[in-house]
Amino acid sequence: MNKSLKVCVASLMLLFLVAFGLAAGAGAQEANTPAGNAALIKALDNAMDPGEGQKKLEFMVGTFDVKIRVWLEPTQPAIESHAVAVHTWVLGHRYVQTMLSGFIMGEAFNAIGYVGYDNVAKKYVASEMDSGSTGMEWYSGAIAPDGKSAKLTTTIQDAMTLKPIKLEMRLTIDPEGDHVTQLWQADASGKMYKTIELQYKRKKS
């Protein structure tokens, strides 16, 4: 973002804060000084500009063949199917948009998601929605220091019991970009069990 645009955004943010009473009078006056504007622009830089956190998501970008495995019960064999996924950078390399299309149990299945790194909260975030639900899932977590795995968590409302249940999204990452995403769910006792596994194999150009 260029400097003049950042100044404009900074001014709009200040107006928003004042309008909603979130900036005290003295604090608002200080923020409206050249020094205050510079501090706000620096904060905007840190919040808006993609950096190392986003670069670590590069492995996801591309077109993949996907092997899907679904467990309806933990003790039963997995149901297998296939899909194709296209992952692309959007909004200036700030987020990876994920688009998946395939079949599960003979029925068409489509999913859309977004993955990013929140510079302010310093954590990875992801959202997911699909044709098998009307709810959106919102995950947050971290990539391991070695870059070979990641774990993000969320809580959703169980469709049967209407009670909150914990979900974990676990990833294993190959340096060439192939990766595996597993969805784990907590049972009534809190023990985690695997419900879905997606094996992403990069298509060769």
N, C-alpha and C. Protein backbone atom coordinates (compact mmCIF):
# COMPACT_ATOMS: atom_id res chain seq x y z
N MET A 1 0.84 -1.18 0.00
CA MET A 1 0.00 0.00 0.00
C MET A 1 0.88 1.24 0.00
N ASN A 2 0.62 2.22 -0.90
CA ASN A 2 1.47 3.40 -0.96
C ASN A 2 1.20 4.34 0.22
N LYS A 3 2.14 5.29 0.42
CA LYS A 3 2.10 6.13 1.61
C LYS A 3 0.85 6.98 1.68
N SER A 4 0.45 7.60 0.56
CA SER A 4 -0.73 8.47 0.58
C SER A 4 -1.99 7.68 0.91
N LEU A 5 -2.08 6.45 0.41
CA LEU A 5 -3.25 5.63 0.71
C LEU A 5 -3.27 5.24 2.17
N LYS A 6 -2.07 4.96 2.72
CA LYS A 6 -2.01 4.62 4.14
C LYS A 6 -2.42 5.79 5.02
N VAL A 7 -2.02 6.99 4.63
CA VAL A 7 -2.43 8.18 5.39
C VAL A 7 -3.95 8.31 5.36
N CYS A 8 -4.54 8.06 4.18
CA CYS A 8 -6.00 8.13 4.03
C CYS A 8 -6.67 7.10 4.92
N VAL A 9 -6.15 5.86 4.90
CA VAL A 9 -6.71 4.80 5.74
C VAL A 9 -6.56 5.15 7.21
N ALA A 10 -5.39 5.69 7.58
CA ALA A 10 -5.16 6.08 8.96
C ALA A 10 -6.18 7.13 9.41
N SER A 11 -6.46 8.11 8.55
CA SER A 11 -7.43 9.15 8.88
C SER A 11 -8.83 8.57 9.03
N LEU A 12 -9.19 7.65 8.14
CA LEU A 12 -10.51 7.01 8.22
C LEU A 12 -10.65 6.20 9.49
N MET A 13 -9.57 5.50 9.86
CA MET A 13 -9.61 4.71 11.09
C MET A 13 -9.78 5.62 12.30
N LEU A 14 -9.09 6.76 12.30
CA LEU A 14 -9.21 7.70 13.41
C LEU A 14 -10.63 8.23 13.51
N LEU A 15 -11.24 8.58 12.37
CA LEU A 15 -12.61 9.05 12.36
C LEU A 15 -13.56 7.99 12.91
N PHE A 16 -13.31 6.73 12.54
CA PHE A 16 -14.14 5.62 13.01
C PHE A 16 -14.04 5.50 14.52
N LEU A 17 -12.80 5.57 15.04
CA LEU A 17 -12.60 5.44 16.48
C LEU A 17 -13.29 6.57 17.24
N VAL A 18 -13.14 7.78 16.73
CA VAL A 18 -13.76 8.93 17.39
C VAL A 18 -15.28 8.81 17.36
N ALA A 19 -15.81 8.40 16.18
CA ALA A 19 -17.27 8.30 16.01
C ALA A 19 -17.87 7.33 17.00
N PHE A 20 -17.17 6.27 17.34
CA PHE A 20 -17.69 5.26 18.24
C PHE A 20 -17.16 5.42 19.66
N GLY A 21 -16.53 6.57 19.91
CA GLY A 21 -16.08 6.85 21.26
C GLY A 21 -14.94 5.99 21.73
N LEU A 22 -14.19 5.43 20.78
CA LEU A 22 -13.10 4.52 21.15
C LEU A 22 -11.79 5.25 21.32
N ALA A 23 -11.74 6.53 20.93
CA ALA A 23 -10.53 7.31 21.13
C ALA A 23 -10.87 8.49 22.01
N ALA A 24 -10.21 8.60 23.17
CA ALA A 24 -10.46 9.70 24.09
C ALA A 24 -9.99 10.99 23.43
N GLY A 25 -10.51 12.15 23.93
CA GLY A 25 -10.19 13.41 23.31
C GLY A 25 -8.71 13.67 23.17
N ALA A 26 -7.96 13.55 24.26
CA ALA A 26 -6.52 13.82 24.20
C ALA A 26 -5.82 12.82 23.31
N GLY A 27 -6.23 11.57 23.42
CA GLY A 27 -5.61 10.52 22.60
C GLY A 27 -5.89 10.73 21.13
N ALA A 28 -7.11 11.19 20.81
CA ALA A 28 -7.46 11.45 19.41
C ALA A 28 -6.63 12.60 18.86
N GLN A 29 -6.45 13.65 19.68
CA GLN A 29 -5.65 14.78 19.21
C GLN A 29 -4.21 14.37 18.95
N GLU A 30 -3.68 13.52 19.86
CA GLU A 30 -2.30 13.06 19.68
C GLU A 30 -2.15 12.23 18.42
N ALA A 31 -3.13 11.38 18.16
CA ALA A 31 -3.06 10.52 16.98
C ALA A 31 -3.18 11.32 15.69
N ASN A 32 -3.74 12.54 15.79
CA ASN A 32 -3.93 13.36 14.61
C ASN A 32 -2.72 14.26 14.31
N THR A 33 -1.67 14.13 15.10
CA THR A 33 -0.43 14.85 14.85
C THR A 33 0.42 14.08 13.87
N PRO A 34 1.45 14.73 13.25
CA PRO A 34 2.35 13.99 12.34
C PRO A 34 2.96 12.76 13.01
N ALA A 35 3.39 12.90 14.27
CA ALA A 35 3.98 11.76 14.96
C ALA A 35 2.95 10.66 15.17
N GLY A 36 1.70 11.09 15.52
CA GLY A 36 0.64 10.11 15.72
C GLY A 36 0.30 9.39 14.43
N ASN A 37 0.24 10.15 13.33
CA ASN A 37 -0.03 9.54 12.03
C ASN A 37 1.06 8.55 11.65
N ALA A 38 2.31 8.90 11.94
CA ALA A 38 3.43 8.01 11.60
C ALA A 38 3.32 6.70 12.38
N ALA A 39 2.95 6.81 13.66
CA ALA A 39 2.80 5.59 14.47
C ALA A 39 1.66 4.73 13.96
N LEU A 40 0.56 5.39 13.57
CA LEU A 40 -0.59 4.65 13.05
C LEU A 40 -0.27 3.98 11.73
N ILE A 41 0.47 4.71 10.87
CA ILE A 41 0.86 4.13 9.58
C ILE A 41 1.77 2.92 9.78
N LYS A 42 2.69 3.03 10.76
CA LYS A 42 3.57 1.90 11.05
C LYS A 42 2.75 0.70 11.53
N ALA A 43 1.76 0.96 12.38
CA ALA A 43 0.90 -0.13 12.86
C ALA A 43 0.13 -0.75 11.71
N LEU A 44 -0.33 0.11 10.77
CA LEU A 44 -1.04 -0.41 9.59
C LEU A 44 -0.11 -1.25 8.72
N ASP A 45 1.14 -0.78 8.59
CA ASP A 45 2.13 -1.57 7.84
C ASP A 45 2.23 -2.98 8.41
N ASN A 46 2.40 -3.04 9.73
CA ASN A 46 2.57 -4.33 10.40
C ASN A 46 1.33 -5.20 10.26
N ALA A 47 0.16 -4.57 10.28
CA ALA A 47 -1.09 -5.34 10.21
C ALA A 47 -1.44 -5.77 8.79
N MET A 48 -1.10 -4.94 7.79
CA MET A 48 -1.60 -5.15 6.43
C MET A 48 -0.62 -5.84 5.49
N ASP A 49 0.65 -5.59 5.66
CA ASP A 49 1.61 -6.04 4.65
C ASP A 49 1.94 -7.52 4.81
N PRO A 50 1.80 -8.32 3.74
CA PRO A 50 2.18 -9.74 3.83
C PRO A 50 3.68 -9.87 4.05
N GLY A 51 4.05 -10.92 4.80
CA GLY A 51 5.47 -11.12 5.12
C GLY A 51 5.81 -12.59 5.25
N GLU A 52 6.66 -12.91 6.21
CA GLU A 52 7.15 -14.29 6.37
C GLU A 52 6.02 -15.25 6.73
N GLY A 53 5.07 -14.79 7.52
CA GLY A 53 3.95 -15.66 7.89
C GLY A 53 3.17 -16.12 6.69
N GLN A 54 2.94 -15.21 5.77
CA GLN A 54 2.20 -15.56 4.55
C GLN A 54 3.04 -16.44 3.62
N LYS A 55 4.34 -16.18 3.56
CA LYS A 55 5.21 -16.96 2.68
C LYS A 55 5.19 -18.45 3.02
N LYS A 56 4.98 -18.76 4.30
CA LYS A 56 4.96 -20.16 4.72
C LYS A 56 3.75 -20.92 4.18
N LEU A 57 2.79 -20.19 3.59
CA LEU A 57 1.62 -20.84 3.00
C LEU A 57 1.80 -21.16 1.52
N GLU A 58 2.95 -20.83 0.97
CA GLU A 58 3.19 -21.03 -0.46
C GLU A 58 3.02 -22.49 -0.86
N PHE A 59 3.30 -23.42 0.05
CA PHE A 59 3.18 -24.85 -0.29
C PHE A 59 1.77 -25.23 -0.70
N MET A 60 0.78 -24.46 -0.27
CA MET A 60 -0.61 -24.78 -0.57
C MET A 60 -1.03 -24.39 -1.98
N VAL A 61 -0.31 -23.47 -2.60
CA VAL A 61 -0.77 -22.88 -3.86
C VAL A 61 -0.53 -23.83 -5.03
N GLY A 62 -1.55 -24.04 -5.85
CA GLY A 62 -1.43 -24.92 -7.01
C GLY A 62 -2.70 -25.71 -7.23
N THR A 63 -2.63 -26.67 -8.13
CA THR A 63 -3.75 -27.56 -8.43
C THR A 63 -3.38 -28.96 -7.97
N PHE A 64 -4.31 -29.61 -7.25
CA PHE A 64 -4.01 -30.88 -6.61
C PHE A 64 -5.09 -31.93 -6.90
N ASP A 65 -4.64 -33.17 -7.08
CA ASP A 65 -5.54 -34.32 -6.99
C ASP A 65 -5.68 -34.64 -5.51
N VAL A 66 -6.90 -34.92 -5.08
CA VAL A 66 -7.15 -35.14 -3.66
C VAL A 66 -7.81 -36.49 -3.43
N LYS A 67 -7.21 -37.29 -2.59
CA LYS A 67 -7.83 -38.53 -2.15
C LYS A 67 -8.52 -38.24 -0.82
N ILE A 68 -9.84 -38.51 -0.77
CA ILE A 68 -10.63 -38.23 0.43
C ILE A 68 -10.95 -39.54 1.14
N ARG A 69 -10.76 -39.55 2.45
CA ARG A 69 -11.14 -40.70 3.27
C ARG A 69 -12.02 -40.19 4.40
N VAL A 70 -13.21 -40.80 4.56
CA VAL A 70 -14.18 -40.39 5.57
C VAL A 70 -14.51 -41.57 6.48
N TRP A 71 -14.48 -41.32 7.79
CA TRP A 71 -14.86 -42.32 8.77
C TRP A 71 -16.19 -41.93 9.40
N LEU A 72 -17.25 -42.70 9.13
CA LEU A 72 -18.54 -42.44 9.77
C LEU A 72 -18.53 -42.90 11.23
N GLU A 73 -17.75 -43.94 11.49
CA GLU A 73 -17.52 -44.44 12.84
C GLU A 73 -16.03 -44.73 12.99
N PRO A 74 -15.44 -44.43 14.14
CA PRO A 74 -13.99 -44.62 14.32
C PRO A 74 -13.53 -46.05 14.09
N THR A 75 -14.40 -47.01 14.37
CA THR A 75 -14.01 -48.42 14.26
C THR A 75 -14.29 -49.01 12.89
N GLN A 76 -14.93 -48.26 12.02
CA GLN A 76 -15.31 -48.76 10.69
C GLN A 76 -14.27 -48.35 9.65
N PRO A 77 -14.17 -49.12 8.55
CA PRO A 77 -13.24 -48.74 7.48
C PRO A 77 -13.62 -47.39 6.87
N ALA A 78 -12.63 -46.71 6.35
CA ALA A 78 -12.88 -45.40 5.74
C ALA A 78 -13.58 -45.56 4.39
N ILE A 79 -14.43 -44.59 4.06
CA ILE A 79 -15.05 -44.50 2.74
C ILE A 79 -14.16 -43.59 1.90
N GLU A 80 -13.73 -44.09 0.73
CA GLU A 80 -12.76 -43.33 -0.08
C GLU A 80 -13.41 -42.74 -1.32
N SER A 81 -12.93 -41.56 -1.68
CA SER A 81 -13.39 -40.90 -2.91
C SER A 81 -12.29 -39.93 -3.36
N HIS A 82 -12.55 -39.20 -4.43
CA HIS A 82 -11.53 -38.31 -5.00
C HIS A 82 -12.12 -36.95 -5.33
N ALA A 83 -11.23 -35.97 -5.41
CA ALA A 83 -11.62 -34.61 -5.74
C ALA A 83 -10.44 -33.89 -6.39
N VAL A 84 -10.69 -32.71 -6.89
CA VAL A 84 -9.65 -31.83 -7.41
C VAL A 84 -9.73 -30.52 -6.63
N ALA A 85 -8.58 -29.98 -6.24
CA ALA A 85 -8.55 -28.73 -5.50
C ALA A 85 -7.66 -27.72 -6.21
N VAL A 86 -8.12 -26.48 -6.25
CA VAL A 86 -7.35 -25.38 -6.83
C VAL A 86 -7.16 -24.32 -5.74
N HIS A 87 -5.90 -24.06 -5.42
CA HIS A 87 -5.58 -23.10 -4.36
C HIS A 87 -4.81 -21.92 -4.97
N THR A 88 -5.28 -20.71 -4.72
CA THR A 88 -4.66 -19.54 -5.32
C THR A 88 -4.51 -18.42 -4.29
N TRP A 89 -3.48 -17.58 -4.50
CA TRP A 89 -3.34 -16.38 -3.68
C TRP A 89 -4.43 -15.38 -4.06
N VAL A 90 -4.99 -14.69 -3.07
CA VAL A 90 -5.95 -13.62 -3.31
C VAL A 90 -5.62 -12.43 -2.42
N LEU A 91 -6.15 -11.27 -2.78
CA LEU A 91 -5.97 -10.04 -2.02
C LEU A 91 -4.50 -9.73 -1.76
N GLY A 92 -3.73 -9.79 -2.85
CA GLY A 92 -2.34 -9.39 -2.75
C GLY A 92 -1.46 -10.30 -1.92
N HIS A 93 -1.60 -11.59 -2.11
CA HIS A 93 -0.80 -12.58 -1.39
C HIS A 93 -1.02 -12.51 0.13
N ARG A 94 -2.24 -12.14 0.53
CA ARG A 94 -2.56 -12.12 1.95
C ARG A 94 -3.28 -13.39 2.40
N TYR A 95 -4.02 -14.00 1.50
CA TYR A 95 -4.78 -15.20 1.83
C TYR A 95 -4.67 -16.21 0.69
N VAL A 96 -4.77 -17.49 1.04
CA VAL A 96 -4.86 -18.54 0.04
C VAL A 96 -6.33 -18.96 -0.03
N GLN A 97 -6.91 -18.84 -1.20
CA GLN A 97 -8.28 -19.30 -1.43
C GLN A 97 -8.24 -20.75 -1.86
N THR A 98 -9.01 -21.61 -1.20
CA THR A 98 -9.04 -23.03 -1.53
C THR A 98 -10.40 -23.39 -2.10
N MET A 99 -10.39 -24.07 -3.24
CA MET A 99 -11.63 -24.49 -3.91
C MET A 99 -11.50 -25.99 -4.20
N LEU A 100 -12.42 -26.77 -3.68
CA LEU A 100 -12.37 -28.22 -3.86
C LEU A 100 -13.68 -28.70 -4.45
N SER A 101 -13.59 -29.63 -5.41
CA SER A 101 -14.78 -30.18 -6.05
C SER A 101 -14.58 -31.68 -6.25
N GLY A 102 -15.54 -32.48 -5.78
CA GLY A 102 -15.41 -33.92 -5.93
C GLY A 102 -16.69 -34.62 -5.51
N PHE A 103 -16.54 -35.85 -5.03
CA PHE A 103 -17.68 -36.66 -4.61
C PHE A 103 -17.36 -37.36 -3.30
N ILE A 104 -18.37 -37.48 -2.45
CA ILE A 104 -18.27 -38.26 -1.22
C ILE A 104 -19.51 -39.15 -1.16
N MET A 105 -19.29 -40.46 -1.06
CA MET A 105 -20.38 -41.44 -1.03
C MET A 105 -21.31 -41.26 -2.23
N GLY A 106 -20.72 -40.96 -3.39
CA GLY A 106 -21.49 -40.84 -4.61
C GLY A 106 -22.21 -39.52 -4.80
N GLU A 107 -22.13 -38.64 -3.81
CA GLU A 107 -22.80 -37.35 -3.90
C GLU A 107 -21.77 -36.26 -4.17
N ALA A 108 -22.16 -35.28 -5.01
CA ALA A 108 -21.26 -34.17 -5.30
C ALA A 108 -20.93 -33.42 -4.00
N PHE A 109 -19.66 -33.06 -3.87
CA PHE A 109 -19.19 -32.35 -2.68
C PHE A 109 -18.29 -31.20 -3.11
N ASN A 110 -18.59 -30.00 -2.63
CA ASN A 110 -17.79 -28.83 -2.96
C ASN A 110 -17.46 -28.06 -1.69
N ALA A 111 -16.27 -27.49 -1.66
CA ALA A 111 -15.85 -26.75 -0.48
C ALA A 111 -15.05 -25.52 -0.89
N ILE A 112 -15.19 -24.48 -0.09
CA ILE A 112 -14.46 -23.24 -0.27
C ILE A 112 -13.83 -22.87 1.06
N GLY A 113 -12.60 -22.39 1.02
CA GLY A 113 -11.96 -21.97 2.26
C GLY A 113 -10.94 -20.87 2.02
N TYR A 114 -10.51 -20.27 3.11
CA TYR A 114 -9.47 -19.25 3.07
C TYR A 114 -8.51 -19.49 4.22
N VAL A 115 -7.23 -19.36 3.92
CA VAL A 115 -6.19 -19.55 4.93
C VAL A 115 -5.28 -18.33 4.91
N GLY A 116 -4.90 -17.85 6.07
CA GLY A 116 -4.02 -16.70 6.14
C GLY A 116 -3.24 -16.67 7.43
N TYR A 117 -2.39 -15.66 7.54
CA TYR A 117 -1.65 -15.43 8.78
C TYR A 117 -2.01 -14.05 9.29
N ASP A 118 -2.48 -14.00 10.53
CA ASP A 118 -2.88 -12.75 11.16
C ASP A 118 -1.64 -12.11 11.77
N ASN A 119 -1.15 -11.04 11.13
CA ASN A 119 0.08 -10.39 11.60
C ASN A 119 -0.06 -9.83 13.01
N VAL A 120 -1.26 -9.38 13.37
CA VAL A 120 -1.46 -8.75 14.67
C VAL A 120 -1.57 -9.81 15.77
N ALA A 121 -2.43 -10.81 15.55
CA ALA A 121 -2.61 -11.88 16.54
C ALA A 121 -1.46 -12.89 16.51
N LYS A 122 -0.67 -12.85 15.43
CA LYS A 122 0.47 -13.75 15.25
C LYS A 122 0.04 -15.22 15.32
N LYS A 123 -0.95 -15.54 14.51
CA LYS A 123 -1.40 -16.92 14.42
C LYS A 123 -1.99 -17.16 13.03
N TYR A 124 -2.04 -18.42 12.63
CA TYR A 124 -2.65 -18.80 11.36
C TYR A 124 -4.15 -18.94 11.56
N VAL A 125 -4.90 -18.51 10.56
CA VAL A 125 -6.35 -18.56 10.64
C VAL A 125 -6.89 -19.20 9.37
N ALA A 126 -8.03 -19.85 9.50
CA ALA A 126 -8.64 -20.51 8.34
C ALA A 126 -10.15 -20.52 8.51
N SER A 127 -10.85 -20.40 7.40
CA SER A 127 -12.30 -20.54 7.38
C SER A 127 -12.66 -21.59 6.34
N GLU A 128 -13.74 -22.32 6.59
CA GLU A 128 -14.13 -23.39 5.66
C GLU A 128 -15.63 -23.48 5.61
N MET A 129 -16.16 -23.65 4.38
CA MET A 129 -17.59 -23.89 4.20
C MET A 129 -17.75 -24.90 3.07
N ASP A 130 -18.77 -25.72 3.14
CA ASP A 130 -18.93 -26.74 2.11
C ASP A 130 -20.39 -27.06 1.89
N SER A 131 -20.63 -27.88 0.86
CA SER A 131 -22.00 -28.22 0.47
C SER A 131 -22.62 -29.26 1.40
N GLY A 132 -21.88 -29.70 2.41
CA GLY A 132 -22.42 -30.66 3.37
C GLY A 132 -22.91 -30.00 4.64
N SER A 133 -22.94 -28.67 4.67
CA SER A 133 -23.33 -27.96 5.89
C SER A 133 -23.79 -26.56 5.54
N THR A 134 -24.50 -25.92 6.47
CA THR A 134 -24.84 -24.51 6.33
C THR A 134 -24.06 -23.66 7.31
N GLY A 135 -23.14 -24.27 8.04
CA GLY A 135 -22.33 -23.54 9.00
C GLY A 135 -20.92 -23.32 8.46
N MET A 136 -20.29 -22.26 8.95
CA MET A 136 -18.91 -21.97 8.59
C MET A 136 -18.01 -22.30 9.78
N GLU A 137 -16.86 -22.90 9.49
CA GLU A 137 -15.91 -23.23 10.54
C GLU A 137 -14.76 -22.24 10.51
N TRP A 138 -14.33 -21.78 11.69
CA TRP A 138 -13.27 -20.79 11.82
C TRP A 138 -12.18 -21.37 12.71
N TYR A 139 -11.01 -21.59 12.13
CA TYR A 139 -9.90 -22.22 12.85
C TYR A 139 -8.79 -21.21 13.12
N SER A 140 -7.99 -21.49 14.14
CA SER A 140 -6.77 -20.72 14.38
C SER A 140 -5.74 -21.64 15.01
N GLY A 141 -4.46 -21.35 14.75
CA GLY A 141 -3.41 -22.21 15.28
C GLY A 141 -2.05 -21.80 14.78
N ALA A 142 -1.15 -22.78 14.64
CA ALA A 142 0.24 -22.48 14.31
C ALA A 142 0.84 -23.56 13.42
N ILE A 143 1.83 -23.15 12.65
CA ILE A 143 2.68 -24.08 11.90
C ILE A 143 3.91 -24.37 12.77
N ALA A 144 4.31 -25.63 12.82
CA ALA A 144 5.47 -26.02 13.62
C ALA A 144 6.72 -25.28 13.13
N PRO A 145 7.66 -25.02 14.04
CA PRO A 145 8.89 -24.29 13.65
C PRO A 145 9.63 -24.91 12.47
N ASP A 146 9.59 -26.26 12.33
CA ASP A 146 10.28 -26.90 11.21
C ASP A 146 9.49 -26.83 9.92
N GLY A 147 8.27 -26.29 9.96
CA GLY A 147 7.45 -26.13 8.75
C GLY A 147 6.86 -27.42 8.20
N LYS A 148 6.98 -28.52 8.95
CA LYS A 148 6.52 -29.80 8.43
C LYS A 148 5.12 -30.19 8.90
N SER A 149 4.56 -29.45 9.82
CA SER A 149 3.23 -29.79 10.32
C SER A 149 2.55 -28.53 10.86
N ALA A 150 1.25 -28.63 11.05
CA ALA A 150 0.49 -27.51 11.60
C ALA A 150 -0.73 -28.08 12.31
N LYS A 151 -1.23 -27.30 13.27
CA LYS A 151 -2.48 -27.69 13.94
C LYS A 151 -3.31 -26.43 14.22
N LEU A 152 -4.57 -26.46 13.76
CA LEU A 152 -5.51 -25.38 14.02
C LEU A 152 -6.75 -25.96 14.68
N THR A 153 -7.37 -25.20 15.55
CA THR A 153 -8.51 -25.73 16.30
C THR A 153 -9.71 -24.80 16.20
N THR A 154 -10.88 -25.36 16.46
CA THR A 154 -12.10 -24.57 16.53
C THR A 154 -13.12 -25.32 17.38
N THR A 155 -14.21 -24.67 17.66
CA THR A 155 -15.34 -25.30 18.35
C THR A 155 -16.60 -25.04 17.53
N ILE A 156 -17.38 -26.09 17.28
CA ILE A 156 -18.63 -25.95 16.54
C ILE A 156 -19.76 -26.55 17.36
N GLN A 157 -20.97 -26.36 16.90
CA GLN A 157 -22.13 -26.93 17.55
C GLN A 157 -22.48 -28.25 16.88
N ASP A 158 -22.57 -29.31 17.66
CA ASP A 158 -22.88 -30.63 17.13
C ASP A 158 -24.31 -30.66 16.60
N ALA A 159 -24.49 -31.20 15.39
CA ALA A 159 -25.81 -31.21 14.75
C ALA A 159 -26.81 -32.09 15.50
N MET A 160 -26.33 -33.14 16.16
CA MET A 160 -27.23 -34.06 16.86
C MET A 160 -27.55 -33.58 18.27
N THR A 161 -26.52 -33.24 19.03
CA THR A 161 -26.71 -32.88 20.44
C THR A 161 -26.92 -31.39 20.66
N LEU A 162 -26.55 -30.58 19.65
CA LEU A 162 -26.58 -29.12 19.74
C LEU A 162 -25.63 -28.58 20.81
N LYS A 163 -24.69 -29.42 21.23
CA LYS A 163 -23.68 -29.00 22.20
C LYS A 163 -22.37 -28.69 21.49
N PRO A 164 -21.53 -27.84 22.09
CA PRO A 164 -20.25 -27.52 21.44
C PRO A 164 -19.30 -28.71 21.44
N ILE A 165 -18.60 -28.90 20.33
CA ILE A 165 -17.59 -29.95 20.24
C ILE A 165 -16.31 -29.35 19.66
N LYS A 166 -15.19 -29.90 20.07
CA LYS A 166 -13.89 -29.40 19.62
C LYS A 166 -13.48 -30.12 18.34
N LEU A 167 -12.94 -29.35 17.39
CA LEU A 167 -12.37 -29.91 16.16
C LEU A 167 -10.91 -29.49 16.07
N GLU A 168 -10.10 -30.37 15.50
CA GLU A 168 -8.70 -30.06 15.22
C GLU A 168 -8.41 -30.33 13.75
N MET A 169 -7.77 -29.38 13.09
CA MET A 169 -7.30 -29.57 11.73
C MET A 169 -5.79 -29.80 11.81
N ARG A 170 -5.34 -30.99 11.45
CA ARG A 170 -3.93 -31.34 11.54
C ARG A 170 -3.36 -31.51 10.14
N LEU A 171 -2.24 -30.84 9.87
CA LEU A 171 -1.61 -30.90 8.56
C LEU A 171 -0.21 -31.48 8.67
N THR A 172 0.15 -32.28 7.68
CA THR A 172 1.54 -32.68 7.47
C THR A 172 1.94 -32.17 6.10
N ILE A 173 3.14 -31.60 6.02
CA ILE A 173 3.55 -30.84 4.84
C ILE A 173 4.82 -31.40 4.24
N ASP A 174 4.79 -31.70 2.93
CA ASP A 174 5.96 -32.15 2.20
C ASP A 174 6.64 -30.93 1.57
N PRO A 175 7.97 -30.90 1.53
CA PRO A 175 8.66 -29.75 0.94
C PRO A 175 8.25 -29.44 -0.49
N GLU A 176 7.81 -30.44 -1.25
CA GLU A 176 7.40 -30.23 -2.64
C GLU A 176 5.98 -29.69 -2.76
N GLY A 177 5.29 -29.58 -1.65
CA GLY A 177 3.94 -29.02 -1.69
C GLY A 177 2.82 -30.01 -1.46
N ASP A 178 3.09 -31.32 -1.60
CA ASP A 178 2.06 -32.30 -1.26
C ASP A 178 1.77 -32.15 0.24
N HIS A 179 0.54 -32.35 0.63
CA HIS A 179 0.22 -32.23 2.05
C HIS A 179 -1.02 -33.05 2.38
N VAL A 180 -1.17 -33.34 3.64
CA VAL A 180 -2.31 -34.11 4.13
C VAL A 180 -3.01 -33.29 5.20
N THR A 181 -4.33 -33.16 5.05
CA THR A 181 -5.14 -32.47 6.04
C THR A 181 -6.07 -33.47 6.69
N GLN A 182 -6.02 -33.52 8.00
CA GLN A 182 -6.89 -34.42 8.76
C GLN A 182 -7.79 -33.60 9.66
N LEU A 183 -9.05 -34.03 9.77
CA LEU A 183 -9.99 -33.40 10.70
C LEU A 183 -10.27 -34.38 11.83
N TRP A 184 -9.98 -33.94 13.05
CA TRP A 184 -10.21 -34.74 14.24
C TRP A 184 -11.31 -34.09 15.07
N GLN A 185 -12.12 -34.94 15.71
CA GLN A 185 -13.26 -34.45 16.48
C GLN A 185 -13.25 -35.10 17.87
N ALA A 186 -13.70 -34.36 18.87
CA ALA A 186 -13.76 -34.88 20.23
C ALA A 186 -15.05 -35.67 20.44
N ASP A 187 -14.93 -36.83 21.09
CA ASP A 187 -16.14 -37.58 21.44
C ASP A 187 -16.68 -37.07 22.78
N ALA A 188 -17.67 -37.76 23.32
CA ALA A 188 -18.33 -37.29 24.55
C ALA A 188 -17.36 -37.20 25.72
N SER A 189 -16.33 -38.03 25.71
CA SER A 189 -15.36 -38.03 26.81
C SER A 189 -14.22 -37.04 26.58
N GLY A 190 -14.22 -36.41 25.41
CA GLY A 190 -13.15 -35.49 25.08
C GLY A 190 -12.01 -36.11 24.29
N LYS A 191 -12.07 -37.43 24.06
CA LYS A 191 -11.04 -38.10 23.28
C LYS A 191 -11.19 -37.77 21.80
N MET A 192 -10.06 -37.45 21.14
CA MET A 192 -10.10 -37.06 19.74
C MET A 192 -10.06 -38.30 18.83
N TYR A 193 -10.85 -38.27 17.77
CA TYR A 193 -10.81 -39.33 16.77
C TYR A 193 -10.88 -38.71 15.37
N LYS A 194 -10.26 -39.39 14.41
CA LYS A 194 -10.17 -38.86 13.05
C LYS A 194 -11.47 -39.12 12.29
N THR A 195 -11.97 -38.06 11.61
CA THR A 195 -13.21 -38.20 10.85
C THR A 195 -12.99 -38.06 9.34
N ILE A 196 -12.06 -37.22 8.94
CA ILE A 196 -11.80 -36.98 7.52
C ILE A 196 -10.30 -36.82 7.29
N GLU A 197 -9.84 -37.34 6.15
CA GLU A 197 -8.45 -37.14 5.73
C GLU A 197 -8.44 -36.79 4.25
N LEU A 198 -7.74 -35.72 3.90
CA LEU A 198 -7.59 -35.32 2.51
C LEU A 198 -6.11 -35.35 2.15
N GLN A 199 -5.75 -36.18 1.18
CA GLN A 199 -4.36 -36.30 0.73
C GLN A 199 -4.19 -35.53 -0.58
N TYR A 200 -3.45 -34.42 -0.51
CA TYR A 200 -3.27 -33.54 -1.66
C TYR A 200 -1.98 -33.90 -2.40
N LYS A 201 -2.12 -34.25 -3.68
CA LYS A 201 -0.97 -34.57 -4.54
C LYS A 201 -0.92 -33.53 -5.66
N ARG A 202 0.19 -32.79 -5.72
CA ARG A 202 0.29 -31.70 -6.69
C ARG A 202 0.26 -32.24 -8.12
N LYS A 203 -0.58 -31.64 -8.96
CA LYS A 203 -0.62 -32.01 -10.37
C LYS A 203 0.63 -31.49 -11.07
N LYS A 204 1.23 -32.32 -11.88
CA LYS A 204 2.42 -31.92 -12.64
C LYS A 204 2.00 -31.12 -13.87
N SER A 205 2.68 -30.02 -14.13
CA SER A 205 2.32 -29.18 -15.27
C SER A 205 2.90 -29.76 -16.56
